[in-house]
Amino acid sequence: MIDAAMLVETYLSMKEYVPSKDRQAAADQLLSYLVDAGLNDEELEEIGSTDNFLKRAFDETVLGNDLNGDDEDD
């Protein structure tokens, strides 16, 4: 079983190595992998609340909201 808290901690430590311009794509890909891995909605929501990049990825990937607008940086 994948631990959501461990994933959040790992994401936050690795995020600093991803250029700002690529962080949304990285968050989108991560959420997509986690959906495919079978995480439940509660775990995905917990991960999606980590920062603005993952929130947007959660909204688009899990909730199906198409968010067209300015990217928010953390």
N, C-alpha and C. Protein backbone atom coordinates (compact mmCIF):
# COMPACT_ATOMS: atom_id res chain seq x y z
N MET A 1 0.84 -1.19 0.00
CA MET A 1 0.00 0.00 0.00
C MET A 1 0.88 1.25 0.00
N ILE A 2 0.52 2.21 -0.79
CA ILE A 2 1.26 3.46 -0.88
C ILE A 2 0.77 4.39 0.23
N ASP A 3 1.71 4.97 0.98
CA ASP A 3 1.38 5.89 2.06
C ASP A 3 1.34 7.32 1.52
N ALA A 4 0.17 7.96 1.60
CA ALA A 4 -0.01 9.30 1.06
C ALA A 4 0.93 10.31 1.73
N ALA A 5 1.11 10.19 3.03
CA ALA A 5 1.98 11.14 3.75
C ALA A 5 3.42 11.02 3.26
N MET A 6 3.86 9.80 2.98
CA MET A 6 5.22 9.61 2.48
C MET A 6 5.36 10.19 1.07
N LEU A 7 4.33 10.04 0.26
CA LEU A 7 4.36 10.61 -1.08
C LEU A 7 4.44 12.14 -1.03
N VAL A 8 3.69 12.74 -0.13
CA VAL A 8 3.72 14.20 0.02
C VAL A 8 5.11 14.65 0.43
N GLU A 9 5.69 13.97 1.42
CA GLU A 9 7.02 14.33 1.89
C GLU A 9 8.06 14.19 0.76
N THR A 10 7.96 13.12 0.01
CA THR A 10 8.88 12.89 -1.11
C THR A 10 8.70 13.96 -2.18
N TYR A 11 7.45 14.26 -2.52
CA TYR A 11 7.17 15.29 -3.52
C TYR A 11 7.77 16.63 -3.10
N LEU A 12 7.55 17.02 -1.86
CA LEU A 12 8.04 18.32 -1.39
C LEU A 12 9.56 18.39 -1.41
N SER A 13 10.23 17.28 -1.09
CA SER A 13 11.69 17.31 -1.11
C SER A 13 12.24 17.30 -2.54
N MET A 14 11.54 16.67 -3.46
CA MET A 14 12.01 16.60 -4.84
C MET A 14 11.62 17.82 -5.68
N LYS A 15 10.56 18.49 -5.28
CA LYS A 15 10.04 19.63 -6.05
C LYS A 15 11.09 20.71 -6.28
N GLU A 16 11.95 20.91 -5.32
CA GLU A 16 12.95 21.97 -5.45
C GLU A 16 13.94 21.71 -6.58
N TYR A 17 14.03 20.48 -7.05
CA TYR A 17 14.94 20.12 -8.13
C TYR A 17 14.30 20.22 -9.50
N VAL A 18 13.00 20.52 -9.53
CA VAL A 18 12.28 20.65 -10.79
C VAL A 18 12.17 22.14 -11.12
N PRO A 19 12.60 22.56 -12.30
CA PRO A 19 12.48 23.97 -12.67
C PRO A 19 11.03 24.45 -12.54
N SER A 20 10.85 25.67 -12.11
CA SER A 20 9.50 26.22 -11.89
C SER A 20 8.60 26.03 -13.09
N LYS A 21 9.14 26.22 -14.28
CA LYS A 21 8.32 26.13 -15.49
C LYS A 21 7.82 24.71 -15.75
N ASP A 22 8.43 23.71 -15.13
CA ASP A 22 8.07 22.31 -15.35
C ASP A 22 7.27 21.70 -14.19
N ARG A 23 7.05 22.46 -13.13
CA ARG A 23 6.42 21.89 -11.94
C ARG A 23 4.97 21.48 -12.16
N GLN A 24 4.23 22.21 -12.97
CA GLN A 24 2.84 21.81 -13.19
C GLN A 24 2.78 20.50 -13.96
N ALA A 25 3.62 20.36 -14.97
CA ALA A 25 3.65 19.11 -15.73
C ALA A 25 4.05 17.94 -14.83
N ALA A 26 5.01 18.16 -13.94
CA ALA A 26 5.44 17.10 -13.02
C ALA A 26 4.31 16.72 -12.07
N ALA A 27 3.60 17.70 -11.56
CA ALA A 27 2.47 17.43 -10.66
C ALA A 27 1.36 16.69 -11.40
N ASP A 28 1.08 17.10 -12.62
CA ASP A 28 0.06 16.43 -13.43
C ASP A 28 0.43 14.96 -13.64
N GLN A 29 1.68 14.71 -13.97
CA GLN A 29 2.13 13.34 -14.22
C GLN A 29 2.06 12.51 -12.94
N LEU A 30 2.48 13.08 -11.83
CA LEU A 30 2.43 12.37 -10.55
C LEU A 30 1.00 11.96 -10.21
N LEU A 31 0.07 12.90 -10.31
CA LEU A 31 -1.33 12.58 -10.00
C LEU A 31 -1.88 11.52 -10.94
N SER A 32 -1.51 11.59 -12.19
CA SER A 32 -1.95 10.59 -13.15
C SER A 32 -1.45 9.20 -12.77
N TYR A 33 -0.18 9.11 -12.39
CA TYR A 33 0.38 7.83 -11.94
C TYR A 33 -0.35 7.31 -10.71
N LEU A 34 -0.66 8.20 -9.77
CA LEU A 34 -1.30 7.78 -8.53
C LEU A 34 -2.73 7.32 -8.76
N VAL A 35 -3.42 7.95 -9.69
CA VAL A 35 -4.76 7.49 -10.07
C VAL A 35 -4.65 6.09 -10.65
N ASP A 36 -3.70 5.89 -11.56
CA ASP A 36 -3.50 4.58 -12.18
C ASP A 36 -3.07 3.52 -11.16
N ALA A 37 -2.37 3.95 -10.09
CA ALA A 37 -1.93 3.02 -9.05
C ALA A 37 -3.06 2.61 -8.13
N GLY A 38 -4.19 3.29 -8.23
CA GLY A 38 -5.37 2.89 -7.47
C GLY A 38 -5.56 3.59 -6.14
N LEU A 39 -4.91 4.73 -5.93
CA LEU A 39 -5.17 5.46 -4.70
C LEU A 39 -6.63 5.88 -4.66
N ASN A 40 -7.20 5.88 -3.47
CA ASN A 40 -8.61 6.26 -3.36
C ASN A 40 -8.74 7.79 -3.36
N ASP A 41 -9.97 8.25 -3.51
CA ASP A 41 -10.22 9.69 -3.62
C ASP A 41 -9.74 10.46 -2.40
N GLU A 42 -9.87 9.89 -1.22
CA GLU A 42 -9.42 10.57 0.00
C GLU A 42 -7.91 10.77 -0.01
N GLU A 43 -7.17 9.74 -0.41
CA GLU A 43 -5.71 9.85 -0.50
C GLU A 43 -5.31 10.85 -1.57
N LEU A 44 -5.98 10.80 -2.71
CA LEU A 44 -5.68 11.75 -3.79
C LEU A 44 -5.98 13.18 -3.37
N GLU A 45 -7.06 13.37 -2.63
CA GLU A 45 -7.40 14.71 -2.16
C GLU A 45 -6.36 15.22 -1.17
N GLU A 46 -5.88 14.32 -0.29
CA GLU A 46 -4.83 14.70 0.67
C GLU A 46 -3.58 15.16 -0.07
N ILE A 47 -3.18 14.39 -1.06
CA ILE A 47 -2.00 14.74 -1.85
C ILE A 47 -2.26 16.03 -2.64
N GLY A 48 -3.47 16.16 -3.17
CA GLY A 48 -3.83 17.35 -3.94
C GLY A 48 -3.84 18.63 -3.15
N SER A 49 -3.91 18.52 -1.84
CA SER A 49 -3.93 19.73 -1.01
C SER A 49 -2.52 20.19 -0.61
N THR A 50 -1.50 19.54 -1.14
CA THR A 50 -0.11 19.84 -0.77
C THR A 50 0.34 21.23 -1.22
N ASP A 51 0.07 21.59 -2.45
CA ASP A 51 0.45 22.90 -2.99
C ASP A 51 -0.43 23.21 -4.19
N ASN A 52 -0.24 24.38 -4.77
CA ASN A 52 -1.08 24.81 -5.88
C ASN A 52 -0.91 23.94 -7.13
N PHE A 53 0.28 23.41 -7.35
CA PHE A 53 0.51 22.56 -8.51
C PHE A 53 -0.29 21.26 -8.40
N LEU A 54 -0.19 20.61 -7.23
CA LEU A 54 -0.93 19.37 -7.04
C LEU A 54 -2.43 19.61 -6.93
N LYS A 55 -2.83 20.76 -6.39
CA LYS A 55 -4.26 21.07 -6.32
C LYS A 55 -4.83 21.18 -7.73
N ARG A 56 -4.11 21.88 -8.59
CA ARG A 56 -4.59 22.02 -9.97
C ARG A 56 -4.62 20.65 -10.66
N ALA A 57 -3.58 19.85 -10.45
CA ALA A 57 -3.54 18.50 -11.03
C ALA A 57 -4.70 17.66 -10.51
N PHE A 58 -4.98 17.76 -9.22
CA PHE A 58 -6.11 17.02 -8.62
C PHE A 58 -7.42 17.48 -9.24
N ASP A 59 -7.61 18.78 -9.31
CA ASP A 59 -8.85 19.32 -9.87
C ASP A 59 -9.07 18.84 -11.31
N GLU A 60 -8.02 18.85 -12.10
CA GLU A 60 -8.14 18.46 -13.51
C GLU A 60 -8.21 16.95 -13.69
N THR A 61 -7.37 16.21 -12.97
CA THR A 61 -7.27 14.77 -13.17
C THR A 61 -8.39 14.00 -12.48
N VAL A 62 -8.65 14.34 -11.24
CA VAL A 62 -9.62 13.58 -10.45
C VAL A 62 -11.03 14.14 -10.58
N LEU A 63 -11.14 15.45 -10.46
CA LEU A 63 -12.47 16.07 -10.51
C LEU A 63 -12.93 16.36 -11.92
N GLY A 64 -11.99 16.38 -12.87
CA GLY A 64 -12.34 16.64 -14.25
C GLY A 64 -12.60 18.10 -14.56
N ASN A 65 -12.14 18.98 -13.68
CA ASN A 65 -12.29 20.42 -13.93
C ASN A 65 -11.20 20.88 -14.86
N ASP A 66 -11.58 21.55 -15.92
CA ASP A 66 -10.60 22.10 -16.85
C ASP A 66 -10.27 23.51 -16.41
N LEU A 67 -9.09 23.69 -15.87
CA LEU A 67 -8.68 24.99 -15.34
C LEU A 67 -7.80 25.69 -16.34
N ASN A 68 -8.36 26.63 -17.06
CA ASN A 68 -7.58 27.43 -17.99
C ASN A 68 -7.38 28.79 -17.36
N GLY A 69 -6.13 29.10 -17.08
CA GLY A 69 -5.84 30.39 -16.46
C GLY A 69 -4.37 30.48 -16.16
N ASP A 70 -4.01 31.45 -15.36
CA ASP A 70 -2.62 31.65 -15.00
C ASP A 70 -2.17 30.56 -14.06
N ASP A 71 -0.93 30.07 -14.27
CA ASP A 71 -0.35 29.11 -13.35
C ASP A 71 0.02 29.85 -12.09
N GLU A 72 -0.18 29.18 -10.97
CA GLU A 72 0.21 29.74 -9.69
C GLU A 72 1.50 29.08 -9.26
N ASP A 73 2.46 29.85 -8.84
CA ASP A 73 3.73 29.32 -8.38
C ASP A 73 3.74 29.25 -6.87
N ASP A 74 4.49 28.30 -6.35
CA ASP A 74 4.69 28.17 -4.89
C ASP A 74 6.10 28.53 -4.55
